[in-house]
Amino acid sequence: MTDPYDLHAALGYQISVTARQLERGFENRLKEIGLTRITWCILLAAGPQRLSQPSDIADFVGIDRTATSRALRQMEAGGLIERQGGDKDKRTTRVGLTAEAEKRLDLASRFAADNAAHFEDKLTAEESTQLRALLTKLRTGEDDPLQRL
């Protein structure tokens, strides 16, 4: 019987396997400091990007607002963020990082740079640019936010 679908040649399979390999080492390092990919991304949004509104954070990370709210609650309980009511409109929420979050963000960013360098070193600068362009092209028009990363 001939296999009508070549799993190992499929683009989706190739991208998924590659993504898992890219993620694995980094996620293990994040776990050492009590973070996940989502919490790290939220720290990046609220820290260096200076986004303080949960909806802006959700848009930056690329996940839906429910997943963002859930993560923010967990991060607040874990002492990583502080939430305050807005200055003019108390119905709004503003998110800020704690000192502990700043320390973990610094470590996680170093882990991310090391992980990226490991894989980037396998490509030429031109290949890296081409790969990013192709991946961006594949995502074009796929605007539904993710529930998880």
C-alpha atoms as a PDB file:
ATOM      1  CA  MET A   1       0.000   0.000   0.000  1.00  0.00           C
ATOM      2  CA  THR A   2       1.328   3.431  -0.941  1.00  0.00           C
ATOM      3  CA  ASP A   3       1.266   6.074   1.760  1.00  0.00           C
ATOM      4  CA  PRO A   4      -0.837   8.941   0.377  1.00  0.00           C
ATOM      5  CA  TYR A   5       0.702  11.417   2.807  1.00  0.00           C
ATOM      6  CA  ASP A   6       4.441  11.654   3.422  1.00  0.00           C
ATOM      7  CA  LEU A   7       4.508  12.808   7.030  1.00  0.00           C
ATOM      8  CA  HIS A   8       8.226  13.485   7.159  1.00  0.00           C
ATOM      9  CA  ALA A   9       8.163  15.588   3.993  1.00  0.00           C
ATOM     10  CA  ALA A  10       5.141  17.645   5.111  1.00  0.00           C
ATOM     11  CA  LEU A  11       5.824  21.321   5.764  1.00  0.00           C
ATOM     12  CA  GLY A  12       3.722  21.332   8.935  1.00  0.00           C
ATOM     13  CA  TYR A  13       5.610  18.368  10.347  1.00  0.00           C
ATOM     14  CA  GLN A  14       8.992  19.904   9.504  1.00  0.00           C
ATOM     15  CA  ILE A  15       8.056  23.234  11.103  1.00  0.00           C
ATOM     16  CA  SER A  16       6.589  21.548  14.196  1.00  0.00           C
ATOM     17  CA  VAL A  17       9.617  19.345  14.810  1.00  0.00           C
ATOM     18  CA  THR A  18      11.995  22.248  14.278  1.00  0.00           C
ATOM     19  CA  ALA A  19       9.976  24.484  16.599  1.00  0.00           C
ATOM     20  CA  ARG A  20       9.989  21.821  19.322  1.00  0.00           C
ATOM     21  CA  GLN A  21      13.764  21.476  19.049  1.00  0.00           C
ATOM     22  CA  LEU A  22      14.197  25.252  19.215  1.00  0.00           C
ATOM     23  CA  GLU A  23      11.918  25.443  22.258  1.00  0.00           C
ATOM     24  CA  ARG A  24      13.079  22.462  24.278  1.00  0.00           C
ATOM     25  CA  GLY A  25      16.375  23.752  25.641  1.00  0.00           C
ATOM     26  CA  PHE A  26      15.067  27.243  26.217  1.00  0.00           C
ATOM     27  CA  GLU A  27      11.949  26.033  28.027  1.00  0.00           C
ATOM     28  CA  ASN A  28      14.073  23.845  30.303  1.00  0.00           C
ATOM     29  CA  ARG A  29      16.177  26.883  31.218  1.00  0.00           C
ATOM     30  CA  LEU A  30      13.043  28.967  31.832  1.00  0.00           C
ATOM     31  CA  LYS A  31      11.668  26.258  34.085  1.00  0.00           C
ATOM     32  CA  GLU A  32      14.828  26.523  36.240  1.00  0.00           C
ATOM     33  CA  ILE A  33      13.825  30.087  37.130  1.00  0.00           C
ATOM     34  CA  GLY A  34      10.079  29.484  37.408  1.00  0.00           C
ATOM     35  CA  LEU A  35       9.002  30.890  34.042  1.00  0.00           C
ATOM     36  CA  THR A  36       7.222  29.587  30.957  1.00  0.00           C
ATOM     37  CA  ARG A  37       7.404  30.949  27.417  1.00  0.00           C
ATOM     38  CA  ILE A  38       4.186  32.879  27.989  1.00  0.00           C
ATOM     39  CA  THR A  39       5.305  34.400  31.289  1.00  0.00           C
ATOM     40  CA  TRP A  40       8.653  35.335  29.735  1.00  0.00           C
ATOM     41  CA  CYS A  41       6.892  36.992  26.788  1.00  0.00           C
ATOM     42  CA  ILE A  42       4.620  38.895  29.176  1.00  0.00           C
ATOM     43  CA  LEU A  43       7.650  40.070  31.141  1.00  0.00           C
ATOM     44  CA  LEU A  44       9.170  41.325  27.884  1.00  0.00           C
ATOM     45  CA  ALA A  45       5.937  43.139  27.055  1.00  0.00           C
ATOM     46  CA  ALA A  46       5.564  44.785  30.465  1.00  0.00           C
ATOM     47  CA  GLY A  47       9.296  45.422  30.886  1.00  0.00           C
ATOM     48  CA  PRO A  48      11.327  46.551  27.869  1.00  0.00           C
ATOM     49  CA  GLN A  49       8.255  47.173  25.681  1.00  0.00           C
ATOM     50  CA  ARG A  50       6.611  49.224  28.477  1.00  0.00           C
ATOM     51  CA  LEU A  51       3.144  47.852  27.765  1.00  0.00           C
ATOM     52  CA  SER A  52       0.945  48.135  30.837  1.00  0.00           C
ATOM     53  CA  GLN A  53      -2.537  47.336  29.541  1.00  0.00           C
ATOM     54  CA  PRO A  54      -3.454  43.623  29.479  1.00  0.00           C
ATOM     55  CA  SER A  55      -5.003  43.982  26.009  1.00  0.00           C
ATOM     56  CA  ASP A  56      -1.790  45.513  24.638  1.00  0.00           C
ATOM     57  CA  ILE A  57       0.234  42.743  26.267  1.00  0.00           C
ATOM     58  CA  ALA A  58      -2.035  40.106  24.680  1.00  0.00           C
ATOM     59  CA  ASP A  59      -1.583  41.703  21.262  1.00  0.00           C
ATOM     60  CA  PHE A  60       2.205  41.901  21.670  1.00  0.00           C
ATOM     61  CA  VAL A  61       2.529  38.273  22.793  1.00  0.00           C
ATOM     62  CA  GLY A  62       0.051  37.037  20.179  1.00  0.00           C
ATOM     63  CA  ILE A  63      -2.263  35.170  22.534  1.00  0.00           C
ATOM     64  CA  ASP A  64      -5.897  35.773  23.339  1.00  0.00           C
ATOM     65  CA  ARG A  65      -6.974  37.958  26.242  1.00  0.00           C
ATOM     66  CA  THR A  66      -8.315  35.069  28.291  1.00  0.00           C
ATOM     67  CA  ALA A  67      -4.934  33.340  28.237  1.00  0.00           C
ATOM     68  CA  THR A  68      -3.263  36.644  29.089  1.00  0.00           C
ATOM     69  CA  SER A  69      -5.581  37.252  32.050  1.00  0.00           C
ATOM     70  CA  ARG A  70      -4.951  33.751  33.340  1.00  0.00           C
ATOM     71  CA  ALA A  71      -1.190  34.196  33.071  1.00  0.00           C
ATOM     72  CA  LEU A  72      -1.326  37.632  34.730  1.00  0.00           C
ATOM     73  CA  ARG A  73      -3.270  36.212  37.692  1.00  0.00           C
ATOM     74  CA  GLN A  74      -0.677  33.468  38.133  1.00  0.00           C
ATOM     75  CA  MET A  75       2.193  35.927  37.777  1.00  0.00           C
ATOM     76  CA  GLU A  76       0.644  38.269  40.330  1.00  0.00           C
ATOM     77  CA  ALA A  77       0.198  35.389  42.775  1.00  0.00           C
ATOM     78  CA  GLY A  78       3.835  34.429  42.139  1.00  0.00           C
ATOM     79  CA  GLY A  79       5.089  37.931  42.913  1.00  0.00           C
ATOM     80  CA  LEU A  80       6.201  38.755  39.356  1.00  0.00           C
ATOM     81  CA  ILE A  81       3.793  41.543  38.489  1.00  0.00           C
ATOM     82  CA  GLU A  82       1.766  44.170  40.253  1.00  0.00           C
ATOM     83  CA  ARG A  83      -1.574  45.336  38.940  1.00  0.00           C
ATOM     84  CA  GLN A  84      -3.086  48.733  39.654  1.00  0.00           C
ATOM     85  CA  GLY A  85      -6.224  50.526  38.562  1.00  0.00           C
ATOM     86  CA  GLY A  86      -5.788  53.128  35.865  1.00  0.00           C
ATOM     87  CA  ASP A  87      -5.161  56.754  36.848  1.00  0.00           C
ATOM     88  CA  LYS A  88      -8.255  58.246  35.202  1.00  0.00           C
ATOM     89  CA  ASP A  89     -10.455  55.194  34.724  1.00  0.00           C
ATOM     90  CA  LYS A  90     -10.386  52.752  37.633  1.00  0.00           C
ATOM     91  CA  ARG A  91     -11.911  50.072  35.381  1.00  0.00           C
ATOM     92  CA  THR A  92      -8.625  49.819  33.511  1.00  0.00           C
ATOM     93  CA  THR A  93      -5.732  47.756  34.789  1.00  0.00           C
ATOM     94  CA  ARG A  94      -2.077  48.662  34.574  1.00  0.00           C
ATOM     95  CA  VAL A  95       0.589  45.982  34.856  1.00  0.00           C
ATOM     96  CA  GLY A  96       4.083  46.536  36.230  1.00  0.00           C
ATOM     97  CA  LEU A  97       7.052  44.274  36.976  1.00  0.00           C
ATOM     98  CA  THR A  98       8.344  43.546  40.443  1.00  0.00           C
ATOM     99  CA  ALA A  99      12.053  43.564  41.300  1.00  0.00           C
ATOM    100  CA  GLU A 100      11.994  39.750  41.260  1.00  0.00           C
ATOM    101  CA  ALA A 101      10.510  39.793  37.762  1.00  0.00           C
ATOM    102  CA  GLU A 102      13.275  42.131  36.584  1.00  0.00           C
ATOM    103  CA  LYS A 103      15.914  39.651  37.842  1.00  0.00           C
ATOM    104  CA  ARG A 104      14.231  36.690  36.158  1.00  0.00           C
ATOM    105  CA  LEU A 105      13.713  38.647  32.939  1.00  0.00           C
ATOM    106  CA  ASP A 106      17.429  39.430  32.802  1.00  0.00           C
ATOM    107  CA  LEU A 107      18.330  35.738  33.253  1.00  0.00           C
ATOM    108  CA  ALA A 108      15.687  34.549  30.788  1.00  0.00           C
ATOM    109  CA  SER A 109      16.868  37.036  28.180  1.00  0.00           C
ATOM    110  CA  ARG A 110      20.386  35.650  28.465  1.00  0.00           C
ATOM    111  CA  PHE A 111      18.996  32.110  28.106  1.00  0.00           C
ATOM    112  CA  ALA A 112      17.058  33.215  25.000  1.00  0.00           C
ATOM    113  CA  ALA A 113      20.146  34.813  23.452  1.00  0.00           C
ATOM    114  CA  ASP A 114      22.203  31.666  24.070  1.00  0.00           C
ATOM    115  CA  ASN A 115      19.497  29.450  22.589  1.00  0.00           C
ATOM    116  CA  ALA A 116      19.083  31.693  19.552  1.00  0.00           C
ATOM    117  CA  ALA A 117      22.845  31.789  18.962  1.00  0.00           C
ATOM    118  CA  HIS A 118      23.016  27.986  19.062  1.00  0.00           C
ATOM    119  CA  PHE A 119      20.553  27.701  16.175  1.00  0.00           C
ATOM    120  CA  GLU A 120      21.526  30.885  14.311  1.00  0.00           C
ATOM    121  CA  ASP A 121      25.098  29.584  14.062  1.00  0.00           C
ATOM    122  CA  LYS A 122      23.792  26.779  11.838  1.00  0.00           C
ATOM    123  CA  LEU A 123      22.660  29.288   9.191  1.00  0.00           C
ATOM    124  CA  THR A 124      24.386  31.957   7.188  1.00  0.00           C
ATOM    125  CA  ALA A 125      23.148  35.519   7.677  1.00  0.00           C
ATOM    126  CA  GLU A 126      21.395  35.309   4.298  1.00  0.00           C
ATOM    127  CA  GLU A 127      19.714  31.989   5.177  1.00  0.00           C
ATOM    128  CA  SER A 128      18.532  33.408   8.487  1.00  0.00           C
ATOM    129  CA  THR A 129      17.010  36.441   6.754  1.00  0.00           C
ATOM    130  CA  GLN A 130      15.337  34.229   4.138  1.00  0.00           C
ATOM    131  CA  LEU A 131      13.938  31.868   6.754  1.00  0.00           C
ATOM    132  CA  ARG A 132      12.413  34.729   8.760  1.00  0.00           C
ATOM    133  CA  ALA A 133      10.862  36.184   5.604  1.00  0.00           C
ATOM    134  CA  LEU A 134       9.390  32.826   4.595  1.00  0.00           C
ATOM    135  CA  LEU A 135       7.965  32.145   8.060  1.00  0.00           C
ATOM    136  CA  THR A 136       6.438  35.618   8.145  1.00  0.00           C
ATOM    137  CA  LYS A 137       4.916  34.974   4.724  1.00  0.00           C
ATOM    138  CA  LEU A 138       3.375  31.698   5.937  1.00  0.00           C
ATOM    139  CA  ARG A 139       1.736  33.511   8.881  1.00  0.00           C
ATOM    140  CA  THR A 140       0.291  36.292   6.716  1.00  0.00           C
ATOM    141  CA  GLY A 141      -3.492  36.351   6.983  1.00  0.00           C
ATOM    142  CA  GLU A 142      -3.529  33.961   9.932  1.00  0.00           C
ATOM    143  CA  ASP A 143      -4.617  36.559  12.467  1.00  0.00           C
ATOM    144  CA  ASP A 144      -6.461  34.447  15.033  1.00  0.00           C
ATOM    145  CA  PRO A 145      -4.668  34.902  18.358  1.00  0.00           C
ATOM    146  CA  LEU A 146      -3.293  31.767  19.965  1.00  0.00           C
ATOM    147  CA  GLN A 147      -4.529  30.445  23.279  1.00  0.00           C
ATOM    148  CA  ARG A 148      -1.041  29.266  24.103  1.00  0.00           C
ATOM    149  CA  LEU A 149       2.441  29.522  22.692  1.00  0.00           C
END
